[in-house]
Amino acid sequence: MEAEAAKLIGAGIAVIALAGVGVGIGNIFAALINSIARNPAARGEVFGIGILGFALTEAIALFALVVALLLLFVF
């Protein structure tokens, strides 16, 4: 296998993590809306936790993207 082909395959595999991140963010916001709909009084506490979960999940997407870009342009 040529080195260029291996780089492209590796970057493609690294980007597969973005699909999982999309599903995770959808689940986080679905649970957030569900919990606020069930108990509107707890909105202030639940919203902060939901945004923290979103930020941590989005960080995984950024790490996967950095790995893909490193594979494409550095190695």
Protein backbone atom coordinates (compact mmCIF):
# COMPACT_ATOMS: atom_id res chain seq x y z
CA MET A 1 0.00 0.00 0.00
CA GLU A 2 1.30 3.42 -0.86
CA ALA A 3 1.88 5.97 1.87
CA GLU A 4 -0.60 8.46 0.39
CA ALA A 5 -3.36 5.85 0.33
CA ALA A 6 -2.65 4.89 3.94
CA LYS A 7 -2.85 8.56 4.97
CA LEU A 8 -6.24 8.96 3.30
CA ILE A 9 -7.61 5.76 4.83
CA GLY A 10 -6.37 6.76 8.28
CA ALA A 11 -7.93 10.21 8.01
CA GLY A 12 -11.22 8.67 6.92
CA ILE A 13 -11.21 6.34 9.89
CA ALA A 14 -10.44 9.24 12.24
CA VAL A 15 -13.41 11.20 10.88
CA ILE A 16 -15.80 8.33 11.65
CA ALA A 17 -15.73 9.59 15.25
CA LEU A 18 -17.66 12.65 14.10
CA ALA A 19 -20.74 10.50 13.47
CA GLY A 20 -20.68 9.34 17.07
CA VAL A 21 -20.28 12.90 18.25
CA GLY A 22 -23.33 13.95 16.26
CA VAL A 23 -25.40 11.20 17.86
CA GLY A 24 -24.08 12.13 21.30
CA ILE A 25 -24.94 15.81 20.92
CA GLY A 26 -28.41 14.87 19.74
CA ASN A 27 -28.91 12.67 22.79
CA ILE A 28 -27.66 15.38 25.14
CA PHE A 29 -30.07 18.00 23.84
CA ALA A 30 -32.96 15.53 23.63
CA ALA A 31 -32.45 14.67 27.30
CA LEU A 32 -32.10 18.37 28.16
CA ILE A 33 -35.39 19.28 26.47
CA ASN A 34 -37.09 16.27 28.05
CA SER A 35 -35.93 17.16 31.54
CA ILE A 36 -36.92 20.83 31.20
CA ALA A 37 -40.33 19.80 29.86
CA ARG A 38 -40.88 17.51 32.84
CA ASN A 39 -39.67 19.98 35.48
CA PRO A 40 -39.41 23.60 34.33
CA ALA A 41 -38.32 24.74 37.79
CA ALA A 42 -35.03 22.85 37.44
CA ARG A 43 -34.10 24.61 34.21
CA GLY A 44 -31.25 26.64 35.70
CA GLU A 45 -29.46 23.62 37.14
CA VAL A 46 -30.08 21.24 34.25
CA PHE A 47 -29.14 23.74 31.53
CA GLY A 48 -25.61 24.23 32.87
CA ILE A 49 -25.01 20.49 33.02
CA GLY A 50 -26.36 20.09 29.47
CA ILE A 51 -24.05 22.78 28.11
CA LEU A 52 -21.09 21.17 29.90
CA GLY A 53 -21.95 17.83 28.29
CA PHE A 54 -22.21 19.52 24.91
CA ALA A 55 -18.81 21.18 25.32
CA LEU A 56 -17.10 17.94 26.33
CA THR A 57 -18.69 16.04 23.46
CA GLU A 58 -17.71 18.76 21.00
CA ALA A 59 -14.12 18.56 22.28
CA ILE A 60 -14.00 14.94 21.15
CA ALA A 61 -15.05 16.10 17.67
CA LEU A 62 -12.28 18.67 17.60
CA PHE A 63 -9.71 16.07 18.67
CA ALA A 64 -10.85 13.71 15.90
CA LEU A 65 -10.67 16.51 13.37
CA VAL A 66 -7.16 17.46 14.50
CA VAL A 67 -6.02 13.85 14.18
CA ALA A 68 -7.48 13.65 10.65
CA LEU A 69 -5.79 16.89 9.62
CA LEU A 70 -2.49 15.79 11.13
CA LEU A 71 -2.66 12.57 9.15
CA LEU A 72 -3.39 14.42 5.93
CA PHE A 73 -0.98 17.33 6.10
CA VAL A 74 1.86 16.50 8.52
CA PHE A 75 2.75 12.85 8.12
